[in-house]
Amino acid sequence: RRMTGIDWDHVVWLIPWCIGAQVAGKDTPGKWPSNDAILEALRKLPSFPTILGPGHMSGKEMFGIDNMIEQPVPMDMFDLKAGDKRIIA
């Protein structure tokens, strides 16, 4: 089947999930960490790489639990002279 937006969403999570699994796995050598342990490990990290830049776990203010990866999102604006978008921050 063709890839959908949901598939791409899963790809975004793959690198952080693997990092969380490595960190969580240090606590239980020889055993596969649970998804809860992986999430807890990611929450403890100050940041971790994502395909969009360094991210960290967030979401408590919006959802009541830190289960969202927040990464830097560049701000851009349309430059009329250039006829194109430009990253401004």
Protein backbone atom coordinates (compact mmCIF):
# COMPACT_ATOMS: atom_id res chain seq x y z
CA ARG A 1 0.00 0.00 0.00
CA ARG A 2 1.02 3.63 -0.35
CA MET A 3 2.33 5.59 2.63
CA THR A 4 -0.12 7.94 4.32
CA GLY A 5 0.29 10.88 6.68
CA ILE A 6 -0.11 8.48 9.59
CA ASP A 7 2.86 6.45 8.34
CA TRP A 8 5.02 9.57 8.22
CA ASP A 9 3.90 10.42 11.76
CA HIS A 10 5.23 7.03 12.88
CA VAL A 11 8.58 7.68 11.14
CA VAL A 12 8.95 10.93 13.12
CA TRP A 13 8.60 8.92 16.34
CA LEU A 14 11.03 6.13 15.37
CA ILE A 15 14.33 7.84 16.28
CA PRO A 16 13.15 9.16 19.68
CA TRP A 17 11.54 5.80 20.51
CA CYS A 18 14.83 3.99 19.78
CA ILE A 19 16.75 6.46 21.95
CA GLY A 20 14.23 6.02 24.76
CA ALA A 21 14.52 2.22 24.43
CA GLN A 22 18.31 2.43 24.72
CA VAL A 23 18.13 4.67 27.80
CA ALA A 24 15.38 2.59 29.46
CA GLY A 25 17.21 -0.64 28.60
CA LYS A 26 20.16 0.40 30.76
CA ASP A 27 17.94 -0.05 33.82
CA THR A 28 17.05 -3.65 32.90
CA PRO A 29 19.97 -5.22 30.98
CA GLY A 30 18.99 -8.27 28.96
CA LYS A 31 15.28 -7.41 28.99
CA TRP A 32 13.25 -5.41 26.50
CA PRO A 33 11.92 -2.21 28.14
CA SER A 34 8.18 -1.59 28.19
CA ASN A 35 6.67 1.34 26.30
CA ASP A 36 5.93 2.97 29.67
CA ALA A 37 9.62 2.69 30.60
CA ILE A 38 10.60 4.16 27.23
CA LEU A 39 8.24 7.13 27.69
CA GLU A 40 9.56 7.70 31.21
CA ALA A 41 13.15 7.62 29.94
CA LEU A 42 12.31 10.18 27.23
CA ARG A 43 10.63 12.44 29.80
CA LYS A 44 13.83 12.46 31.90
CA LEU A 45 16.08 13.47 28.98
CA PRO A 46 16.63 17.22 28.57
CA SER A 47 16.46 16.72 24.78
CA PHE A 48 16.89 14.07 22.09
CA PRO A 49 17.34 14.17 18.31
CA THR A 50 14.35 14.06 15.97
CA ILE A 51 14.21 14.42 12.19
CA LEU A 52 13.14 18.04 12.76
CA GLY A 53 15.86 18.94 15.28
CA PRO A 54 16.30 18.49 19.03
CA GLY A 55 13.08 17.69 20.83
CA HIS A 56 11.84 17.13 24.36
CA MET A 57 8.74 15.66 25.93
CA SER A 58 5.96 18.16 26.50
CA GLY A 59 2.19 18.43 26.60
CA LYS A 60 1.37 18.56 30.32
CA GLU A 61 -0.14 22.06 30.06
CA MET A 62 -2.37 21.08 27.10
CA PHE A 63 -3.12 17.40 27.76
CA GLY A 64 -2.26 16.78 31.42
CA ILE A 65 0.63 14.43 30.60
CA ASP A 66 3.99 14.82 28.86
CA ASN A 67 3.37 12.48 25.91
CA MET A 68 4.09 14.90 23.06
CA ILE A 69 7.44 15.50 21.37
CA GLU A 70 8.05 19.22 21.06
CA GLN A 71 10.73 20.20 18.58
CA PRO A 72 11.89 23.51 17.25
CA VAL A 73 9.63 24.74 14.50
CA PRO A 74 11.13 27.46 12.32
CA MET A 75 9.06 30.60 11.89
CA ASP A 76 8.84 31.88 8.36
CA MET A 77 7.15 34.69 6.53
CA PHE A 78 6.47 35.42 2.91
CA ASP A 79 8.99 37.87 1.46
CA LEU A 80 7.25 39.86 -1.29
CA LYS A 81 10.52 41.07 -2.83
CA ALA A 82 11.92 37.56 -3.07
CA GLY A 83 8.55 36.02 -3.94
CA ASP A 84 9.26 33.20 -1.50
CA LYS A 85 9.13 32.22 2.17
CA ARG A 86 12.12 33.04 4.36
CA ILE A 87 12.95 31.59 7.76
CA ILE A 88 13.05 34.45 10.26
CA ALA A 89 13.53 32.63 13.60
